[in-house]
Every structure is written in C-alpha cells, then in structure tokens.
C-alpha cells in the first residue's frame, strides 16, 4: 500500500460521521442499504452519499446499485493492508531511532 492510499484511508476514517458509517456497515454480516444509514445516523441522504463516496474512494467500502437502492459492504482486505502498512511505518520509526555508531541512547522521560 502506497503512502497516498494510507493518507486517503486515514482521512476517511478521521471524520467522526464517516467512522460511524463505516462501523455500521462493517457490523453487518452482509450489505447495508444507504437508506438504513440515513435512518440510523439521523443525517440527510446527501450527507450520507458524500461520506459514502469518500469511504468508497478510500477503498474501504464497495457499493452496488439494485434498482433505486444502493447497498454497501466493507472491504476487510483494505483494513488489513492498512493495519500492516501502519505497523511497517511504526517499525521503521523504531528501527531508525536506534543509536548509530555505538552511541548510547538518550534517556527518555519514562526511564528518568
């Protein structure tokens, strides 16, 4: 997963309403209709549509139209790849923070 995708997912899940929508969709064993989200969250259809587009662009959900209804489902592979990418970033930071040339590490507040 590239950095742009990590940023897109972080932005998508960083909004409280989108996170609640994503949680609702993820909690269903199948798919969730857009009108169910409108009823559950107390937001307008236009607002739900806007948030769904951002979640879809981040590849967190996929949407499918059946007649006048739009059904959404979470894409768990995206969250798995996102988690691995964040872990890789955290590991890289930890490894790059190691002392070089045998220098002693500086004491941190927790060690003092």
N, C-alpha and C. Protein backbone atom coordinates (compact mmCIF):
# COMPACT_ATOMS: atom_id res chain seq x y z
N UNK A 1 0.85 -1.17 0.00
CA UNK A 1 0.00 0.00 0.00
C UNK A 1 0.90 1.24 0.00
N UNK A 2 0.61 2.15 -0.91
CA UNK A 2 1.44 3.35 -1.01
C UNK A 2 0.98 4.42 -0.01
N UNK A 3 1.82 5.41 0.15
CA UNK A 3 1.57 6.46 1.14
C UNK A 3 0.28 7.23 0.84
N UNK A 4 0.01 7.47 -0.43
CA UNK A 4 -1.21 8.18 -0.82
C UNK A 4 -2.46 7.43 -0.34
N UNK A 5 -2.45 6.12 -0.49
CA UNK A 5 -3.59 5.31 -0.05
C UNK A 5 -3.71 5.34 1.48
N UNK A 6 -2.59 5.29 2.18
CA UNK A 6 -2.60 5.37 3.65
C UNK A 6 -3.23 6.70 4.08
N UNK A 7 -2.82 7.79 3.43
CA UNK A 7 -3.37 9.10 3.76
C UNK A 7 -4.86 9.17 3.46
N UNK A 8 -5.29 8.60 2.34
CA UNK A 8 -6.70 8.63 1.95
C UNK A 8 -7.55 7.88 2.99
N UNK A 9 -7.08 6.71 3.42
CA UNK A 9 -7.82 5.94 4.42
C UNK A 9 -7.84 6.67 5.76
N UNK A 10 -6.70 7.23 6.15
CA UNK A 10 -6.62 7.97 7.41
C UNK A 10 -7.61 9.14 7.41
N UNK A 11 -7.67 9.85 6.30
CA UNK A 11 -8.60 10.98 6.19
C UNK A 11 -10.04 10.49 6.25
N UNK A 12 -10.31 9.40 5.56
CA UNK A 12 -11.68 8.88 5.53
C UNK A 12 -12.14 8.45 6.91
N UNK A 13 -11.28 7.80 7.67
CA UNK A 13 -11.67 7.31 8.99
C UNK A 13 -11.48 8.36 10.08
N UNK A 14 -10.85 9.48 9.74
CA UNK A 14 -10.60 10.54 10.70
C UNK A 14 -11.82 11.40 10.99
N UNK A 15 -12.85 11.29 10.21
CA UNK A 15 -14.08 12.04 10.41
C UNK A 15 -15.05 11.19 11.25
N UNK A 16 -15.61 11.76 12.30
CA UNK A 16 -16.46 11.01 13.22
C UNK A 16 -17.68 10.40 12.53
N UNK A 17 -18.33 11.16 11.65
CA UNK A 17 -19.51 10.64 10.97
C UNK A 17 -19.13 9.48 10.04
N UNK A 18 -18.04 9.64 9.29
CA UNK A 18 -17.62 8.56 8.38
C UNK A 18 -17.22 7.32 9.16
N UNK A 19 -16.56 7.52 10.29
CA UNK A 19 -16.17 6.37 11.11
C UNK A 19 -17.41 5.64 11.61
N UNK A 20 -18.43 6.38 12.05
CA UNK A 20 -19.67 5.73 12.49
C UNK A 20 -20.36 4.99 11.35
N UNK A 21 -20.35 5.60 10.16
CA UNK A 21 -20.95 4.94 8.99
C UNK A 21 -20.18 3.66 8.67
N UNK A 22 -18.84 3.76 8.67
CA UNK A 22 -18.03 2.58 8.38
C UNK A 22 -18.26 1.48 9.42
N UNK A 23 -18.35 1.85 10.69
CA UNK A 23 -18.63 0.87 11.75
C UNK A 23 -19.97 0.19 11.52
N UNK A 24 -20.98 0.97 11.15
CA UNK A 24 -22.31 0.40 10.91
C UNK A 24 -22.28 -0.59 9.76
N UNK A 25 -21.62 -0.21 8.67
CA UNK A 25 -21.54 -1.10 7.51
C UNK A 25 -20.74 -2.35 7.86
N UNK A 26 -19.64 -2.18 8.58
CA UNK A 26 -18.78 -3.31 8.93
C UNK A 26 -19.46 -4.27 9.89
N UNK A 27 -20.36 -3.76 10.72
CA UNK A 27 -21.00 -4.62 11.72
C UNK A 27 -22.05 -5.54 11.11
N UNK A 28 -22.48 -5.24 9.91
CA UNK A 28 -23.45 -6.09 9.23
C UNK A 28 -22.73 -7.27 8.58
N UNK A 29 -23.34 -8.43 8.63
CA UNK A 29 -22.72 -9.61 8.04
C UNK A 29 -22.84 -9.62 6.52
N UNK A 30 -23.66 -8.80 5.98
CA UNK A 30 -23.80 -8.74 4.54
C UNK A 30 -23.60 -7.33 4.05
N UNK A 31 -24.68 -6.80 3.54
CA UNK A 31 -24.61 -5.46 3.00
C UNK A 31 -25.63 -4.58 3.68
N UNK A 32 -25.41 -3.29 3.57
CA UNK A 32 -26.30 -2.33 4.21
C UNK A 32 -26.80 -1.35 3.16
N UNK A 33 -28.10 -1.09 3.16
CA UNK A 33 -28.68 -0.14 2.22
C UNK A 33 -28.44 1.28 2.72
N UNK A 34 -28.26 2.17 1.79
CA UNK A 34 -27.97 3.57 2.11
C UNK A 34 -29.09 4.19 2.97
N UNK A 35 -30.34 3.85 2.68
CA UNK A 35 -31.44 4.42 3.46
C UNK A 35 -31.42 3.94 4.91
N UNK A 36 -30.83 2.78 5.17
CA UNK A 36 -30.67 2.31 6.56
C UNK A 36 -29.69 3.22 7.31
N UNK A 37 -28.66 3.66 6.62
CA UNK A 37 -27.68 4.58 7.23
C UNK A 37 -28.32 5.92 7.54
N UNK A 38 -29.15 6.39 6.64
CA UNK A 38 -29.83 7.67 6.85
C UNK A 38 -30.71 7.57 8.10
N UNK A 39 -31.45 6.48 8.24
CA UNK A 39 -32.33 6.30 9.39
C UNK A 39 -31.54 6.13 10.69
N UNK A 40 -30.45 5.37 10.63
CA UNK A 40 -29.65 5.10 11.81
C UNK A 40 -28.92 6.32 12.33
N UNK A 41 -28.37 7.10 11.46
CA UNK A 41 -27.47 8.18 11.84
C UNK A 41 -28.13 9.53 11.94
N UNK A 42 -29.36 9.64 11.48
CA UNK A 42 -30.04 10.92 11.57
C UNK A 42 -29.41 12.00 10.71
N UNK A 43 -28.85 11.62 9.57
CA UNK A 43 -28.28 12.60 8.65
C UNK A 43 -29.02 12.53 7.33
N UNK A 44 -28.87 13.55 6.54
CA UNK A 44 -29.59 13.62 5.27
C UNK A 44 -29.01 12.63 4.27
N UNK A 45 -29.81 12.22 3.28
CA UNK A 45 -29.29 11.34 2.24
C UNK A 45 -28.09 11.93 1.50
N UNK A 46 -28.10 13.25 1.30
CA UNK A 46 -26.97 13.90 0.61
C UNK A 46 -25.69 13.79 1.43
N UNK A 47 -25.81 13.94 2.75
CA UNK A 47 -24.64 13.83 3.62
C UNK A 47 -24.11 12.40 3.62
N UNK A 48 -25.01 11.43 3.71
CA UNK A 48 -24.58 10.03 3.68
C UNK A 48 -23.90 9.74 2.35
N UNK A 49 -24.48 10.21 1.26
CA UNK A 49 -23.90 10.00 -0.06
C UNK A 49 -22.49 10.57 -0.15
N UNK A 50 -22.31 11.76 0.38
CA UNK A 50 -20.98 12.41 0.38
C UNK A 50 -19.97 11.55 1.13
N UNK A 51 -20.34 11.11 2.32
CA UNK A 51 -19.43 10.31 3.14
C UNK A 51 -19.17 8.94 2.50
N UNK A 52 -20.18 8.37 1.89
CA UNK A 52 -20.02 7.07 1.23
C UNK A 52 -19.03 7.18 0.06
N UNK A 53 -19.06 8.28 -0.65
CA UNK A 53 -18.13 8.49 -1.77
C UNK A 53 -16.69 8.51 -1.25
N UNK A 54 -16.46 9.20 -0.16
CA UNK A 54 -15.11 9.27 0.41
C UNK A 54 -14.65 7.89 0.89
N UNK A 55 -15.54 7.16 1.56
CA UNK A 55 -15.20 5.80 2.01
C UNK A 55 -14.94 4.88 0.82
N UNK A 56 -15.71 5.05 -0.23
CA UNK A 56 -15.52 4.23 -1.44
C UNK A 56 -14.22 4.59 -2.15
N UNK A 57 -13.91 5.87 -2.25
CA UNK A 57 -12.66 6.31 -2.88
C UNK A 57 -11.44 5.80 -2.12
N UNK A 58 -11.60 5.61 -0.80
CA UNK A 58 -10.51 5.07 0.02
C UNK A 58 -10.47 3.54 -0.05
N UNK A 59 -11.38 2.97 -0.82
CA UNK A 59 -11.48 1.51 -0.99
C UNK A 59 -11.83 0.80 0.33
N UNK A 60 -12.55 1.50 1.20
CA UNK A 60 -12.99 0.91 2.46
C UNK A 60 -14.33 0.20 2.32
N UNK A 61 -15.14 0.66 1.35
CA UNK A 61 -16.42 0.02 1.08
C UNK A 61 -16.60 -0.12 -0.42
N UNK A 62 -17.47 -1.04 -0.79
CA UNK A 62 -17.89 -1.12 -2.20
C UNK A 62 -19.40 -0.98 -2.23
N UNK A 63 -19.88 -0.28 -3.23
CA UNK A 63 -21.31 -0.01 -3.36
C UNK A 63 -21.84 -0.66 -4.63
N UNK A 64 -23.08 -1.12 -4.53
CA UNK A 64 -23.72 -1.76 -5.67
C UNK A 64 -25.16 -1.29 -5.72
N UNK A 65 -25.59 -0.92 -6.91
CA UNK A 65 -26.96 -0.42 -7.09
C UNK A 65 -27.86 -1.56 -7.53
N UNK A 66 -29.03 -1.65 -6.89
CA UNK A 66 -30.09 -2.57 -7.29
C UNK A 66 -31.36 -1.75 -7.41
N UNK A 67 -31.71 -1.41 -8.62
CA UNK A 67 -32.87 -0.55 -8.83
C UNK A 67 -32.61 0.82 -8.22
N UNK A 68 -33.50 1.24 -7.33
CA UNK A 68 -33.32 2.56 -6.70
C UNK A 68 -32.51 2.49 -5.41
N UNK A 69 -32.09 1.31 -5.00
CA UNK A 69 -31.35 1.15 -3.76
C UNK A 69 -29.86 0.96 -4.01
N UNK A 70 -29.06 1.51 -3.10
CA UNK A 70 -27.61 1.33 -3.14
C UNK A 70 -27.22 0.56 -1.89
N UNK A 71 -26.55 -0.57 -2.09
CA UNK A 71 -26.10 -1.41 -0.99
C UNK A 71 -24.58 -1.28 -0.86
N UNK A 72 -24.12 -1.23 0.36
CA UNK A 72 -22.70 -1.08 0.63
C UNK A 72 -22.21 -2.21 1.51
N UNK A 73 -20.95 -2.58 1.30
CA UNK A 73 -20.32 -3.56 2.18
C UNK A 73 -18.87 -3.15 2.41
N UNK A 74 -18.37 -3.51 3.58
CA UNK A 74 -16.99 -3.19 3.93
C UNK A 74 -16.04 -4.09 3.16
N UNK A 75 -14.83 -3.61 2.94
CA UNK A 75 -13.77 -4.39 2.28
C UNK A 75 -12.71 -4.66 3.34
N UNK A 76 -12.78 -5.81 4.01
CA UNK A 76 -11.86 -6.09 5.12
C UNK A 76 -10.40 -6.16 4.70
N UNK A 77 -10.14 -6.51 3.45
CA UNK A 77 -8.75 -6.59 2.97
C UNK A 77 -8.06 -5.23 3.02
N UNK A 78 -8.84 -4.18 2.81
CA UNK A 78 -8.26 -2.83 2.86
C UNK A 78 -7.81 -2.49 4.27
N UNK A 79 -8.64 -2.80 5.25
CA UNK A 79 -8.26 -2.53 6.64
C UNK A 79 -7.06 -3.38 7.05
N UNK A 80 -7.02 -4.61 6.58
CA UNK A 80 -5.88 -5.48 6.89
C UNK A 80 -4.59 -4.91 6.31
N UNK A 81 -4.63 -4.49 5.04
CA UNK A 81 -3.45 -3.90 4.41
C UNK A 81 -3.07 -2.58 5.07
N UNK A 82 -4.05 -1.80 5.45
CA UNK A 82 -3.82 -0.52 6.14
C UNK A 82 -3.12 -0.76 7.48
N UNK A 83 -3.61 -1.73 8.22
CA UNK A 83 -3.00 -2.06 9.52
C UNK A 83 -1.55 -2.49 9.35
N UNK A 84 -1.30 -3.30 8.34
CA UNK A 84 0.08 -3.76 8.08
C UNK A 84 0.97 -2.59 7.68
N UNK A 85 0.44 -1.68 6.86
CA UNK A 85 1.22 -0.52 6.43
C UNK A 85 1.56 0.38 7.61
N UNK A 86 0.60 0.59 8.51
CA UNK A 86 0.87 1.40 9.70
C UNK A 86 1.89 0.72 10.61
N UNK A 87 1.78 -0.59 10.74
CA UNK A 87 2.75 -1.33 11.55
C UNK A 87 4.15 -1.22 10.96
N UNK A 88 4.22 -1.25 9.63
CA UNK A 88 5.52 -1.11 8.96
C UNK A 88 6.11 0.27 9.20
N UNK A 89 5.27 1.29 9.16
CA UNK A 89 5.74 2.66 9.43
C UNK A 89 6.24 2.75 10.87
N UNK A 90 5.48 2.20 11.80
CA UNK A 90 5.87 2.24 13.21
C UNK A 90 7.16 1.49 13.44
N UNK A 91 7.33 0.36 12.79
CA UNK A 91 8.55 -0.43 12.93
C UNK A 91 9.73 0.30 12.33
N UNK A 92 9.53 0.94 11.21
CA UNK A 92 10.61 1.68 10.56
C UNK A 92 11.07 2.83 11.46
N UNK A 93 10.15 3.49 12.11
CA UNK A 93 10.49 4.58 13.03
C UNK A 93 11.27 4.06 14.21
N UNK A 94 10.83 2.93 14.74
CA UNK A 94 11.51 2.33 15.90
C UNK A 94 12.93 1.94 15.52
N UNK A 95 13.08 1.32 14.35
CA UNK A 95 14.40 0.89 13.90
C UNK A 95 15.30 2.08 13.57
N UNK A 96 14.73 3.14 13.02
CA UNK A 96 15.56 4.30 12.66
C UNK A 96 15.94 5.11 13.89
N UNK A 97 15.23 4.92 14.99
CA UNK A 97 15.55 5.64 16.23
C UNK A 97 16.68 4.97 17.00
N UNK A 98 17.14 3.82 16.53
CA UNK A 98 18.22 3.11 17.22
C UNK A 98 19.50 3.94 17.14
N UNK A 99 20.33 3.90 18.18
CA UNK A 99 21.57 4.69 18.17
C UNK A 99 22.53 4.21 17.09
N UNK A 100 23.27 5.13 16.54
CA UNK A 100 24.23 4.80 15.48
C UNK A 100 25.64 4.90 16.02
N UNK A 101 26.55 4.19 15.39
CA UNK A 101 27.97 4.24 15.71
C UNK A 101 28.26 3.95 17.18
N UNK A 102 27.47 3.10 17.79
CA UNK A 102 27.71 2.70 19.16
C UNK A 102 27.38 3.76 20.19
N UNK A 103 26.73 4.84 19.79
CA UNK A 103 26.38 5.89 20.74
C UNK A 103 25.34 5.37 21.70
N UNK A 104 25.39 5.85 22.93
CA UNK A 104 24.42 5.43 23.92
C UNK A 104 23.10 6.16 23.65
N UNK A 105 21.99 5.44 23.81
CA UNK A 105 20.70 6.11 23.60
C UNK A 105 20.45 7.12 24.71
N UNK A 106 19.77 8.21 24.35
CA UNK A 106 19.43 9.22 25.34
C UNK A 106 18.32 8.71 26.23
N UNK A 107 18.35 9.11 27.48
CA UNK A 107 17.31 8.70 28.42
C UNK A 107 16.01 9.39 28.06
N UNK A 108 14.92 8.64 28.13
CA UNK A 108 13.61 9.23 27.87
C UNK A 108 12.95 9.54 29.19
N UNK A 109 11.87 10.26 29.12
CA UNK A 109 11.16 10.65 30.35
C UNK A 109 10.73 9.42 31.14
N UNK A 110 10.39 8.32 30.45
CA UNK A 110 9.94 7.12 31.14
C UNK A 110 11.08 6.46 31.90
N UNK A 111 12.33 6.64 31.46
CA UNK A 111 13.46 6.00 32.08
C UNK A 111 14.08 6.84 33.19
N UNK A 112 13.74 8.09 33.24
CA UNK A 112 14.35 9.01 34.23
C UNK A 112 13.80 8.81 35.60
